[in-house]
Amino acid sequence: MHAIIRLRPLPARNALFGVGVGVAYMAASGESIDAPYGGLIDLARDIDTGRTDAYGTADRIRSWRVLITRATAGGRCVVPRRRGHPRLSALAAHIAYLCNGPRSGVTG
């Protein structure tokens, strides 16, 4: 994410692409992120203006992570859900759907 935003390999929308790559990388690593409202935008701006480096970026993303695990029975994806947090619940349901198909469940 940091490299894409700072090096600007695309003609436009590098911040958007960088955020997408960062989120996809976390998902591929078995984790997801639950950033506060506007958090990813603020992070992208901080990277672009040089207010944070790669280590600061990693620390901020690490503080937002949500673990996605695979259940031992059947290898199904189990996504923890925070009660009373509708945005994360919707994200968890979407991730479980991508991992397991339409009949997946979300724990919590």
Protein backbone atom coordinates (compact mmCIF):
# COMPACT_ATOMS: atom_id res chain seq x y z
CA MET A 1 0.00 0.00 0.00
CA HIS A 2 2.73 2.42 1.00
CA ALA A 3 4.82 1.73 -2.11
CA ILE A 4 1.90 2.12 -4.50
CA ILE A 5 0.81 5.42 -3.03
CA ARG A 6 4.33 6.88 -2.79
CA LEU A 7 5.73 5.63 -6.12
CA ARG A 8 2.55 6.38 -8.14
CA PRO A 9 2.88 3.65 -10.79
CA LEU A 10 -0.54 4.44 -12.28
CA PRO A 11 -1.56 7.59 -14.16
CA ALA A 12 -4.35 8.26 -11.60
CA ARG A 13 -6.13 6.84 -8.52
CA ASN A 14 -2.98 5.41 -6.91
CA ALA A 15 -4.35 5.92 -3.39
CA LEU A 16 -7.53 3.97 -4.21
CA PHE A 17 -5.55 1.17 -5.82
CA GLY A 18 -3.09 1.13 -2.91
CA VAL A 19 -5.89 0.79 -0.36
CA GLY A 20 -7.47 -2.00 -2.40
CA VAL A 21 -4.17 -3.87 -2.60
CA GLY A 22 -3.63 -3.44 1.15
CA VAL A 23 -7.07 -4.83 1.99
CA ALA A 24 -6.67 -7.70 -0.51
CA TYR A 25 -3.23 -8.54 0.91
CA MET A 26 -4.64 -8.72 4.44
CA ALA A 27 -7.49 -10.98 3.25
CA ALA A 28 -5.04 -13.24 1.40
CA SER A 29 -3.02 -13.44 4.62
CA GLY A 30 -6.06 -14.70 6.51
CA GLU A 31 -6.90 -11.38 8.16
CA SER A 32 -9.20 -8.51 7.45
CA ILE A 33 -9.26 -4.94 8.67
CA ASP A 34 -11.93 -2.90 10.42
CA ALA A 35 -10.75 0.66 9.99
CA PRO A 36 -12.69 3.48 11.63
CA TYR A 37 -14.82 5.65 9.35
CA GLY A 38 -12.42 7.59 7.14
CA GLY A 39 -9.40 5.77 8.53
CA LEU A 40 -8.18 4.38 5.21
CA ILE A 41 -8.58 7.78 3.55
CA ASP A 42 -6.62 9.45 6.34
CA LEU A 43 -3.93 6.78 6.09
CA ALA A 44 -3.67 7.22 2.31
CA ARG A 45 -3.35 11.01 2.75
CA ASP A 46 -0.70 10.58 5.43
CA ILE A 47 1.27 8.26 3.14
CA ASP A 48 0.92 10.61 0.17
CA THR A 49 2.11 13.66 2.12
CA GLY A 50 4.96 11.78 3.79
CA ARG A 51 3.55 12.07 7.33
CA THR A 52 3.87 8.31 7.80
CA ASP A 53 6.38 5.79 6.54
CA ALA A 54 6.03 2.07 5.78
CA TYR A 55 6.44 1.17 9.46
CA GLY A 56 3.79 3.65 10.55
CA THR A 57 1.47 2.33 7.85
CA ALA A 58 1.98 -1.24 9.03
CA ASP A 59 1.38 -0.25 12.67
CA ARG A 60 -1.88 1.50 11.82
CA ILE A 61 -3.14 -1.41 9.67
CA ARG A 62 -2.09 -3.88 12.37
CA SER A 63 -4.21 -2.00 14.92
CA TRP A 64 -7.29 -2.43 12.67
CA ARG A 65 -6.95 -6.13 11.89
CA VAL A 66 -9.64 -8.73 12.42
CA LEU A 67 -8.59 -12.37 12.41
CA ILE A 68 -10.21 -14.73 9.89
CA THR A 69 -9.70 -18.37 10.77
CA ARG A 70 -10.52 -21.70 9.18
CA ALA A 71 -12.54 -24.07 11.30
CA THR A 72 -10.96 -27.47 11.79
CA ALA A 73 -14.10 -29.32 10.73
CA GLY A 74 -14.45 -29.21 6.99
CA GLY A 75 -11.97 -26.38 6.42
CA ARG A 76 -14.72 -23.79 6.41
CA CYS A 77 -13.92 -20.15 6.97
CA VAL A 78 -15.08 -18.85 10.36
CA VAL A 79 -15.23 -15.09 10.63
CA PRO A 80 -15.67 -13.59 14.10
CA ARG A 81 -18.32 -10.92 14.37
CA ARG A 82 -18.61 -8.07 16.82
CA ARG A 83 -22.10 -7.68 18.15
CA GLY A 84 -23.67 -4.31 17.51
CA HIS A 85 -21.24 -3.45 14.72
CA PRO A 86 -23.28 -3.65 11.49
CA ARG A 87 -20.50 -2.65 9.10
CA LEU A 88 -18.17 -5.34 10.39
CA SER A 89 -21.00 -7.88 10.47
CA ALA A 90 -21.74 -7.21 6.80
CA LEU A 91 -18.03 -7.46 5.98
CA ALA A 92 -17.74 -10.72 7.93
CA ALA A 93 -20.73 -12.18 6.11
CA HIS A 94 -19.24 -11.18 2.76
CA ILE A 95 -15.86 -12.71 3.58
CA ALA A 96 -17.51 -15.93 4.80
CA TYR A 97 -19.51 -16.04 1.56
CA LEU A 98 -16.33 -15.64 -0.50
CA CYS A 99 -14.57 -18.37 1.49
CA ASN A 100 -17.36 -20.90 1.76
CA GLY A 101 -20.10 -20.10 -0.73
CA PRO A 102 -23.70 -19.06 -0.18
CA ARG A 103 -24.46 -21.36 2.78
CA SER A 104 -21.75 -20.04 5.05
CA GLY A 105 -22.30 -18.80 8.54
CA VAL A 106 -20.71 -16.14 10.64
CA THR A 107 -19.83 -16.91 14.23
CA GLY A 108 -20.32 -14.51 17.05
